Each structure stands twice: as structure tokens, then as C-alpha cells.
Amino acid sequence: MSPDSVPAILLWIVYPYMVLAVFVLGHVWRFRTDRFGWTSRSSQIYESKLLSIGSPLFHYGIIGIFVGHVVGLGIPKSWTDAVGITNHMYHLMAVTIGLAAAAACVGGLAILLYRRRTNSRVFGATTAGDKLMFALLAMTILCGVLATLVHSTFGVYDYREGVSIWFRDFWTLRPQAELMTAAPIFFQLHVLSALTLFAIWPFTRLVHVFAAPIGYLTRPYIVYRSKDPAKEAERRGWEKIRF
């Protein structure tokens, strides 16, 4: 093993699997020890105008980016070629739809950060973990946008022949570190910052992603009863006590 390969193995094989372990076990620990803290800790009570603009922009943008990553990383290039999608068509869709989602995400995040920094009550409710989370989130998004613009849109690098293969091989326990070392710098920074973000994920407000209120779809309606004894029907199974 050459000396140069040791950092590559640590960065692109050991570190990602360590992050995966922390991500899974961290959520289990958080759920078992801090179930009441499993929340986004909303600050809407302090300020709602900017939040009502920035939050939807950010969340819809993130959803679009997530879908784009699922397609770009999870679907092999040979599959899109097989259904007749050329490289030009694929990159055109990726750039237009991807950058639109990124613009919404960046715009929403900028509004949320401005709100959090300029509103004293919101800033007072910001923890050190929140600051680290926002910094890593901003760096991950920024590096992703730069990777798309510099290396994919105006460059010659095709991430589906490098980063995407490394990502899919990671889940089959045979990642190739050389695929990431050969990737341009902004792709490397994007992946490393994303990995670090996933490592701290279970210990931040990001856990609320896994707390979707699905139970609301099946819960019973809330029944309101009148307090007027003359209008309130007798409850079944009970009899009035007579003296």
C-alpha cells in the first residue's frame, strides 16, 4: 500500500462508514434518551413573517435537491442511455431543474439566516449546535452549486462516471477510493461536508426530518361536547346517581 493511498482510504472508505454508524446509532440513542427533544424547536413564536417566506423556499428547494441526488447518484448512466436520454438531455434537465431547486434552497436559507441573526429573540434561542449545523449546511449547498457550475456545466467532469459509482459501491461494501480522489475539488468538498453534516445530524434539530406527523392521517376527530347539561346527551354506560 503506497503512503498516498492511506489518506484516500481514510477519507473515502473509513470515514463514510464511521459516519453511517454514528448516523444510525445516534438516532437510536437520541430517540431513547431525548424523545421530548425530537423536534425542530420552532421559533415561530418570536417571528413569523420572514419564517413564512424562508422556510417554504428552503424546504421545497431541499426536496428538489434530494430528488435530484437520488436520480443522479442512484440511477446508473447506462439506464438513462437505455431509455434514450442522451448526455445533453440529462445535463440540461439536471442544470435547469437542479439550479432552480438550488436557488430556492439558497434563497430560503439566506432568509432564515438573516432572520436568525437580526432578530435578537431568535438569535438568543440559537444554540452552538444550531450554528455548526447551519455552517455545515451552507457549506454543503455552496460546494454543491459550485461543483455543478464549475465542473459539470462549464467543465468536462461527468460525476455519473465517478462520484455516482463510488456512492453506489459504498452500499455494496466495495467503495473505490480512487474514484473520489480523481473527482474535482468542489465535488470532494461537497461530499466531505455532507458526510460531516450527517455525522452531527442525530444531535441537532435535523432529527425532525424523521418525525413526520403520519399519525394525523388516521387519528380520530376531536369531539367537542356542550357544557350545558340540558344539551349534553347522557353518556352510555353511566347512570345518574339518585339520592
C-alpha atoms as a PDB file:
ATOM      1  CA  MET A   1       0.000   0.000   0.000  1.00  0.00           C
ATOM      2  CA  SER A   2       1.525   3.322  -1.017  1.00  0.00           C
ATOM      3  CA  PRO A   3       1.576   6.216   1.502  1.00  0.00           C
ATOM      4  CA  ASP A   4      -0.679   8.276  -0.756  1.00  0.00           C
ATOM      5  CA  SER A   5      -3.417   5.667  -0.565  1.00  0.00           C
ATOM      6  CA  VAL A   6      -3.739   5.818   3.229  1.00  0.00           C
ATOM      7  CA  PRO A   7      -5.390   9.285   3.366  1.00  0.00           C
ATOM      8  CA  ALA A   8      -7.654   8.291   0.467  1.00  0.00           C
ATOM      9  CA  ILE A   9      -8.801   5.144   2.280  1.00  0.00           C
ATOM     10  CA  LEU A  10      -9.382   7.091   5.496  1.00  0.00           C
ATOM     11  CA  LEU A  11     -11.357   9.841   3.739  1.00  0.00           C
ATOM     12  CA  TRP A  12     -13.391   7.851   1.244  1.00  0.00           C
ATOM     13  CA  ILE A  13     -13.827   4.439   2.897  1.00  0.00           C
ATOM     14  CA  VAL A  14     -13.256   4.568   6.662  1.00  0.00           C
ATOM     15  CA  TYR A  15     -14.800   7.979   7.352  1.00  0.00           C
ATOM     16  CA  PRO A  16     -18.037   7.372   5.384  1.00  0.00           C
ATOM     17  CA  TYR A  17     -18.696   4.093   7.209  1.00  0.00           C
ATOM     18  CA  MET A  18     -17.967   5.769  10.554  1.00  0.00           C
ATOM     19  CA  VAL A  19     -20.489   8.476   9.644  1.00  0.00           C
ATOM     20  CA  LEU A  20     -23.078   5.847   8.728  1.00  0.00           C
ATOM     21  CA  ALA A  21     -22.608   4.137  12.105  1.00  0.00           C
ATOM     22  CA  VAL A  22     -22.882   7.435  14.010  1.00  0.00           C
ATOM     23  CA  PHE A  23     -25.924   8.434  11.964  1.00  0.00           C
ATOM     24  CA  VAL A  24     -27.841   5.228  12.710  1.00  0.00           C
ATOM     25  CA  LEU A  25     -26.762   4.662  16.309  1.00  0.00           C
ATOM     26  CA  GLY A  26     -27.015   8.367  17.102  1.00  0.00           C
ATOM     27  CA  HIS A  27     -30.671   8.445  16.108  1.00  0.00           C
ATOM     28  CA  VAL A  28     -31.381   5.360  18.212  1.00  0.00           C
ATOM     29  CA  TRP A  29     -29.669   6.950  21.203  1.00  0.00           C
ATOM     30  CA  ARG A  30     -31.431  10.285  20.692  1.00  0.00           C
ATOM     31  CA  PHE A  31     -34.842   8.635  20.419  1.00  0.00           C
ATOM     32  CA  ARG A  32     -34.323   6.572  23.570  1.00  0.00           C
ATOM     33  CA  THR A  33     -32.848   9.339  25.723  1.00  0.00           C
ATOM     34  CA  ASP A  34     -34.344  12.573  24.379  1.00  0.00           C
ATOM     35  CA  ARG A  35     -37.700  11.743  22.864  1.00  0.00           C
ATOM     36  CA  PHE A  36     -39.226  15.031  24.015  1.00  0.00           C
ATOM     37  CA  GLY A  37     -36.371  16.904  22.355  1.00  0.00           C
ATOM     38  CA  TRP A  38     -37.054  15.226  18.997  1.00  0.00           C
ATOM     39  CA  THR A  39     -38.263  18.456  17.445  1.00  0.00           C
ATOM     40  CA  SER A  40     -37.233  21.313  15.191  1.00  0.00           C
ATOM     41  CA  ARG A  41     -37.551  23.728  18.139  1.00  0.00           C
ATOM     42  CA  SER A  42     -39.622  26.148  16.117  1.00  0.00           C
ATOM     43  CA  SER A  43     -39.008  29.855  16.750  1.00  0.00           C
ATOM     44  CA  GLN A  44     -42.214  30.964  15.054  1.00  0.00           C
ATOM     45  CA  ILE A  45     -43.450  32.460  18.313  1.00  0.00           C
ATOM     46  CA  TYR A  46     -40.627  35.029  18.114  1.00  0.00           C
ATOM     47  CA  GLU A  47     -41.003  35.979  14.436  1.00  0.00           C
ATOM     48  CA  SER A  48     -43.255  34.617  11.724  1.00  0.00           C
ATOM     49  CA  LYS A  49     -43.154  36.952   8.701  1.00  0.00           C
ATOM     50  CA  LEU A  50     -39.682  36.070   7.404  1.00  0.00           C
ATOM     51  CA  LEU A  51     -40.128  32.477   8.551  1.00  0.00           C
ATOM     52  CA  SER A  52     -43.256  32.093   6.410  1.00  0.00           C
ATOM     53  CA  ILE A  53     -41.190  33.067   3.342  1.00  0.00           C
ATOM     54  CA  GLY A  54     -37.820  31.481   4.007  1.00  0.00           C
ATOM     55  CA  SER A  55     -38.961  28.154   5.424  1.00  0.00           C
ATOM     56  CA  PRO A  56     -41.138  27.026   2.464  1.00  0.00           C
ATOM     57  CA  LEU A  57     -38.464  28.162  -0.024  1.00  0.00           C
ATOM     58  CA  PHE A  58     -35.768  26.255   1.812  1.00  0.00           C
ATOM     59  CA  HIS A  59     -37.778  23.069   2.353  1.00  0.00           C
ATOM     60  CA  TYR A  60     -39.143  22.862  -1.200  1.00  0.00           C
ATOM     61  CA  GLY A  61     -35.649  23.519  -2.522  1.00  0.00           C
ATOM     62  CA  ILE A  62     -34.189  20.774  -0.317  1.00  0.00           C
ATOM     63  CA  ILE A  63     -36.844  18.316  -1.515  1.00  0.00           C
ATOM     64  CA  GLY A  64     -35.958  19.119  -5.136  1.00  0.00           C
ATOM     65  CA  ILE A  65     -32.247  18.706  -4.427  1.00  0.00           C
ATOM     66  CA  PHE A  66     -32.883  15.405  -2.643  1.00  0.00           C
ATOM     67  CA  VAL A  67     -34.847  14.034  -5.601  1.00  0.00           C
ATOM     68  CA  GLY A  68     -32.104  15.193  -7.964  1.00  0.00           C
ATOM     69  CA  HIS A  69     -29.456  13.429  -5.885  1.00  0.00           C
ATOM     70  CA  VAL A  70     -31.495  10.219  -5.802  1.00  0.00           C
ATOM     71  CA  VAL A  71     -31.695  10.256  -9.607  1.00  0.00           C
ATOM     72  CA  GLY A  72     -28.131  11.408 -10.222  1.00  0.00           C
ATOM     73  CA  LEU A  73     -26.433   9.108  -7.708  1.00  0.00           C
ATOM     74  CA  GLY A  74     -28.771   6.141  -7.650  1.00  0.00           C
ATOM     75  CA  ILE A  75     -29.546   5.602 -11.341  1.00  0.00           C
ATOM     76  CA  PRO A  76     -26.606   4.353 -13.448  1.00  0.00           C
ATOM     77  CA  LYS A  77     -25.745   6.176 -16.643  1.00  0.00           C
ATOM     78  CA  SER A  78     -26.372   3.008 -18.663  1.00  0.00           C
ATOM     79  CA  TRP A  79     -30.013   3.032 -17.564  1.00  0.00           C
ATOM     80  CA  THR A  80     -30.696   6.548 -18.845  1.00  0.00           C
ATOM     81  CA  ASP A  81     -28.859   5.710 -22.068  1.00  0.00           C
ATOM     82  CA  ALA A  82     -31.044   2.614 -22.476  1.00  0.00           C
ATOM     83  CA  VAL A  83     -34.266   4.655 -22.395  1.00  0.00           C
ATOM     84  CA  GLY A  84     -32.955   7.161 -24.921  1.00  0.00           C
ATOM     85  CA  ILE A  85     -31.905  10.025 -22.644  1.00  0.00           C
ATOM     86  CA  THR A  86     -28.724  11.477 -24.127  1.00  0.00           C
ATOM     87  CA  ASN A  87     -25.993  13.153 -22.077  1.00  0.00           C
ATOM     88  CA  HIS A  88     -27.069  16.540 -23.417  1.00  0.00           C
ATOM     89  CA  MET A  89     -30.697  15.989 -22.403  1.00  0.00           C
ATOM     90  CA  TYR A  90     -29.696  14.675 -18.977  1.00  0.00           C
ATOM     91  CA  HIS A  91     -27.349  17.550 -18.177  1.00  0.00           C
ATOM     92  CA  LEU A  92     -29.849  20.090 -19.497  1.00  0.00           C
ATOM     93  CA  MET A  93     -32.513  18.768 -17.111  1.00  0.00           C
ATOM     94  CA  ALA A  94     -30.021  18.465 -14.273  1.00  0.00           C
ATOM     95  CA  VAL A  95     -28.792  22.039 -14.699  1.00  0.00           C
ATOM     96  CA  THR A  96     -32.176  23.718 -15.181  1.00  0.00           C
ATOM     97  CA  ILE A  97     -34.161  21.794 -12.557  1.00  0.00           C
ATOM     98  CA  GLY A  98     -31.192  21.393 -10.213  1.00  0.00           C
ATOM     99  CA  LEU A  99     -30.203  25.042 -10.242  1.00  0.00           C
ATOM    100  CA  ALA A 100     -33.837  26.107  -9.778  1.00  0.00           C
ATOM    101  CA  ALA A 101     -34.068  23.904  -6.679  1.00  0.00           C
ATOM    102  CA  ALA A 102     -30.684  25.167  -5.502  1.00  0.00           C
ATOM    103  CA  ALA A 103     -31.756  28.781  -5.980  1.00  0.00           C
ATOM    104  CA  ALA A 104     -34.879  28.208  -3.878  1.00  0.00           C
ATOM    105  CA  CYS A 105     -32.841  26.422  -1.228  1.00  0.00           C
ATOM    106  CA  VAL A 106     -30.097  29.054  -1.080  1.00  0.00           C
ATOM    107  CA  GLY A 107     -32.620  31.901  -1.083  1.00  0.00           C
ATOM    108  CA  GLY A 108     -34.643  30.310   1.685  1.00  0.00           C
ATOM    109  CA  LEU A 109     -31.549  29.564   3.755  1.00  0.00           C
ATOM    110  CA  ALA A 110     -30.301  33.138   3.321  1.00  0.00           C
ATOM    111  CA  ILE A 111     -33.620  34.481   4.603  1.00  0.00           C
ATOM    112  CA  LEU A 112     -33.597  32.107   7.559  1.00  0.00           C
ATOM    113  CA  LEU A 113     -30.007  33.010   8.464  1.00  0.00           C
ATOM    114  CA  TYR A 114     -30.766  36.737   8.126  1.00  0.00           C
ATOM    115  CA  ARG A 115     -33.819  36.319  10.340  1.00  0.00           C
ATOM    116  CA  ARG A 116     -31.886  34.344  12.937  1.00  0.00           C
ATOM    117  CA  ARG A 117     -29.019  36.850  13.051  1.00  0.00           C
ATOM    118  CA  THR A 118     -31.015  40.085  13.053  1.00  0.00           C
ATOM    119  CA  ASN A 119     -33.825  39.089  15.421  1.00  0.00           C
ATOM    120  CA  SER A 120     -32.442  39.146  18.953  1.00  0.00           C
ATOM    121  CA  ARG A 121     -35.029  36.739  20.351  1.00  0.00           C
ATOM    122  CA  VAL A 122     -34.498  34.205  17.573  1.00  0.00           C
ATOM    123  CA  PHE A 123     -30.731  34.570  17.868  1.00  0.00           C
ATOM    124  CA  GLY A 124     -30.969  34.101  21.619  1.00  0.00           C
ATOM    125  CA  ALA A 125     -32.658  30.743  21.043  1.00  0.00           C
ATOM    126  CA  THR A 126     -29.843  29.612  18.720  1.00  0.00           C
ATOM    127  CA  THR A 127     -27.548  27.006  20.245  1.00  0.00           C
ATOM    128  CA  ALA A 128     -23.934  26.217  19.398  1.00  0.00           C
ATOM    129  CA  GLY A 129     -25.197  23.066  17.676  1.00  0.00           C
ATOM    130  CA  ASP A 130     -27.511  25.181  15.534  1.00  0.00           C
ATOM    131  CA  LYS A 131     -24.626  27.390  14.434  1.00  0.00           C
ATOM    132  CA  LEU A 132     -22.483  24.384  13.498  1.00  0.00           C
ATOM    133  CA  MET A 133     -25.405  22.787  11.667  1.00  0.00           C
ATOM    134  CA  PHE A 134     -26.171  25.941   9.663  1.00  0.00           C
ATOM    135  CA  ALA A 135     -22.484  26.401   8.793  1.00  0.00           C
ATOM    136  CA  LEU A 136     -22.135  22.832   7.500  1.00  0.00           C
ATOM    137  CA  LEU A 137     -25.448  23.053   5.667  1.00  0.00           C
ATOM    138  CA  ALA A 138     -24.423  26.287   3.951  1.00  0.00           C
ATOM    139  CA  MET A 139     -21.009  24.845   3.024  1.00  0.00           C
ATOM    140  CA  THR A 140     -22.553  21.652   1.628  1.00  0.00           C
ATOM    141  CA  ILE A 141     -25.014  23.573  -0.529  1.00  0.00           C
ATOM    142  CA  LEU A 142     -22.411  26.112  -1.694  1.00  0.00           C
ATOM    143  CA  CYS A 143     -19.907  23.412  -2.690  1.00  0.00           C
ATOM    144  CA  GLY A 144     -22.668  21.501  -4.476  1.00  0.00           C
ATOM    145  CA  VAL A 145     -23.646  24.554  -6.515  1.00  0.00           C
ATOM    146  CA  LEU A 146     -20.002  25.338  -7.344  1.00  0.00           C
ATOM    147  CA  ALA A 147     -19.376  21.706  -8.322  1.00  0.00           C
ATOM    148  CA  THR A 148     -22.332  21.823 -10.702  1.00  0.00           C
ATOM    149  CA  LEU A 149     -21.408  25.169 -12.247  1.00  0.00           C
ATOM    150  CA  VAL A 150     -17.616  24.889 -12.395  1.00  0.00           C
ATOM    151  CA  HIS A 151     -17.036  21.206 -13.041  1.00  0.00           C
ATOM    152  CA  SER A 152     -20.227  19.917 -14.701  1.00  0.00           C
ATOM    153  CA  THR A 153     -21.948  22.779 -16.519  1.00  0.00           C
ATOM    154  CA  PHE A 154     -18.854  24.622 -17.755  1.00  0.00           C
ATOM    155  CA  GLY A 155     -16.369  21.804 -17.190  1.00  0.00           C
ATOM    156  CA  VAL A 156     -15.815  18.343 -18.599  1.00  0.00           C
ATOM    157  CA  TYR A 157     -16.313  16.180 -15.498  1.00  0.00           C
ATOM    158  CA  ASP A 158     -19.196  13.700 -15.522  1.00  0.00           C
ATOM    159  CA  TYR A 159     -19.993  12.816 -11.907  1.00  0.00           C
ATOM    160  CA  ARG A 160     -22.047   9.824 -13.069  1.00  0.00           C
ATOM    161  CA  GLU A 161     -18.795   8.160 -14.114  1.00  0.00           C
ATOM    162  CA  GLY A 162     -17.063   8.850 -10.804  1.00  0.00           C
ATOM    163  CA  VAL A 163     -18.893  10.086  -7.711  1.00  0.00           C
ATOM    164  CA  SER A 164     -22.096   8.200  -8.539  1.00  0.00           C
ATOM    165  CA  ILE A 165     -20.265   4.895  -8.958  1.00  0.00           C
ATOM    166  CA  TRP A 166     -18.434   5.429  -5.657  1.00  0.00           C
ATOM    167  CA  PHE A 167     -21.762   6.162  -3.947  1.00  0.00           C
ATOM    168  CA  ARG A 168     -23.477   3.015  -5.242  1.00  0.00           C
ATOM    169  CA  ASP A 169     -20.439   0.866  -4.464  1.00  0.00           C
ATOM    170  CA  PHE A 170     -20.470   2.233  -0.911  1.00  0.00           C
ATOM    171  CA  TRP A 171     -23.799   0.499  -0.266  1.00  0.00           C
ATOM    172  CA  THR A 172     -22.496  -2.785  -1.657  1.00  0.00           C
ATOM    173  CA  LEU A 173     -19.462  -2.581   0.687  1.00  0.00           C
ATOM    174  CA  ARG A 174     -16.889  -2.193  -2.081  1.00  0.00           C
ATOM    175  CA  PRO A 175     -16.248   1.564  -2.491  1.00  0.00           C
ATOM    176  CA  GLN A 176     -13.368   2.615  -4.726  1.00  0.00           C
ATOM    177  CA  ALA A 177     -11.454   5.446  -3.088  1.00  0.00           C
ATOM    178  CA  GLU A 178      -9.662   6.311  -6.334  1.00  0.00           C
ATOM    179  CA  LEU A 179     -12.952   7.428  -7.873  1.00  0.00           C
ATOM    180  CA  MET A 180     -13.237  10.192  -5.295  1.00  0.00           C
ATOM    181  CA  THR A 181      -9.577  11.172  -5.344  1.00  0.00           C
ATOM    182  CA  ALA A 182      -9.946  11.672  -9.104  1.00  0.00           C
ATOM    183  CA  ALA A 183     -13.029  13.888  -8.642  1.00  0.00           C
ATOM    184  CA  PRO A 184     -12.630  17.705  -8.847  1.00  0.00           C
ATOM    185  CA  ILE A 185     -12.095  19.617  -5.617  1.00  0.00           C
ATOM    186  CA  PHE A 186     -15.615  21.029  -5.249  1.00  0.00           C
ATOM    187  CA  PHE A 187     -17.127  17.558  -5.568  1.00  0.00           C
ATOM    188  CA  GLN A 188     -14.757  16.315  -2.872  1.00  0.00           C
ATOM    189  CA  LEU A 189     -15.599  19.225  -0.578  1.00  0.00           C
ATOM    190  CA  HIS A 190     -19.307  18.752  -1.247  1.00  0.00           C
ATOM    191  CA  VAL A 191     -19.174  15.072  -0.260  1.00  0.00           C
ATOM    192  CA  LEU A 192     -16.959  15.651   2.805  1.00  0.00           C
ATOM    193  CA  SER A 193     -19.109  18.486   4.144  1.00  0.00           C
ATOM    194  CA  ALA A 194     -22.249  16.412   3.537  1.00  0.00           C
ATOM    195  CA  LEU A 195     -20.706  13.469   5.413  1.00  0.00           C
ATOM    196  CA  THR A 196     -19.823  15.718   8.347  1.00  0.00           C
ATOM    197  CA  LEU A 197     -23.349  17.112   8.335  1.00  0.00           C
ATOM    198  CA  PHE A 198     -24.748  13.568   8.516  1.00  0.00           C
ATOM    199  CA  ALA A 199     -22.373  12.822  11.409  1.00  0.00           C
ATOM    200  CA  ILE A 200     -23.843  15.610  13.581  1.00  0.00           C
ATOM    201  CA  TRP A 201     -27.395  15.112  12.263  1.00  0.00           C
ATOM    202  CA  PRO A 202     -28.717  12.963  15.167  1.00  0.00           C
ATOM    203  CA  PHE A 203     -27.592  15.544  17.727  1.00  0.00           C
ATOM    204  CA  THR A 204     -29.231  18.587  16.129  1.00  0.00           C
ATOM    205  CA  ARG A 205     -32.684  19.818  15.232  1.00  0.00           C
ATOM    206  CA  LEU A 206     -32.370  17.980  11.896  1.00  0.00           C
ATOM    207  CA  VAL A 207     -33.878  14.909  13.569  1.00  0.00           C
ATOM    208  CA  HIS A 208     -37.300  16.446  12.918  1.00  0.00           C
ATOM    209  CA  VAL A 209     -36.961  15.158   9.338  1.00  0.00           C
ATOM    210  CA  PHE A 210     -37.817  11.712  10.727  1.00  0.00           C
ATOM    211  CA  ALA A 211     -40.771  12.951  12.760  1.00  0.00           C
ATOM    212  CA  ALA A 212     -43.351  13.406  10.002  1.00  0.00           C
ATOM    213  CA  PRO A 213     -46.828  13.511  11.585  1.00  0.00           C
ATOM    214  CA  ILE A 214     -48.137  10.487   9.686  1.00  0.00           C
ATOM    215  CA  GLY A 215     -50.465   9.667  12.587  1.00  0.00           C
ATOM    216  CA  TYR A 216     -52.536  12.723  11.768  1.00  0.00           C
ATOM    217  CA  LEU A 217     -53.851  10.901   8.704  1.00  0.00           C
ATOM    218  CA  THR A 218     -55.530   8.172  10.771  1.00  0.00           C
ATOM    219  CA  ARG A 219     -56.248   9.790  14.126  1.00  0.00           C
ATOM    220  CA  PRO A 220     -59.907  10.230  15.150  1.00  0.00           C
ATOM    221  CA  TYR A 221     -61.646  13.557  15.002  1.00  0.00           C
ATOM    222  CA  ILE A 222     -61.706  15.717  18.099  1.00  0.00           C
ATOM    223  CA  VAL A 223     -65.216  15.639  19.553  1.00  0.00           C
ATOM    224  CA  TYR A 224     -66.461  18.788  21.247  1.00  0.00           C
ATOM    225  CA  ARG A 225     -69.269  18.477  23.779  1.00  0.00           C
ATOM    226  CA  SER A 226     -71.518  21.169  25.125  1.00  0.00           C
ATOM    227  CA  LYS A 227     -71.152  22.153  28.764  1.00  0.00           C
ATOM    228  CA  ASP A 228     -74.865  22.812  29.017  1.00  0.00           C
ATOM    229  CA  PRO A 229     -76.364  19.863  30.962  1.00  0.00           C
ATOM    230  CA  ALA A 230     -79.659  20.364  29.132  1.00  0.00           C
ATOM    231  CA  LYS A 231     -77.986  19.903  25.751  1.00  0.00           C
ATOM    232  CA  GLU A 232     -75.464  17.238  26.710  1.00  0.00           C
ATOM    233  CA  ALA A 233     -76.599  13.704  25.969  1.00  0.00           C
ATOM    234  CA  GLU A 234     -76.218  11.092  28.651  1.00  0.00           C
ATOM    235  CA  ARG A 235     -73.049   9.085  28.262  1.00  0.00           C
ATOM    236  CA  ARG A 236     -73.538   5.431  27.517  1.00  0.00           C
ATOM    237  CA  GLY A 237     -72.633   3.069  30.316  1.00  0.00           C
ATOM    238  CA  TRP A 238     -73.275   5.571  33.075  1.00  0.00           C
ATOM    239  CA  GLU A 239     -76.330   6.109  35.230  1.00  0.00           C
ATOM    240  CA  LYS A 240     -77.202   9.162  37.218  1.00  0.00           C
ATOM    241  CA  ILE A 241     -76.939   8.756  40.961  1.00  0.00           C
ATOM    242  CA  ARG A 242     -80.212   9.486  42.697  1.00  0.00           C
ATOM    243  CA  PHE A 243     -80.372  10.379  46.369  1.00  0.00           C
END
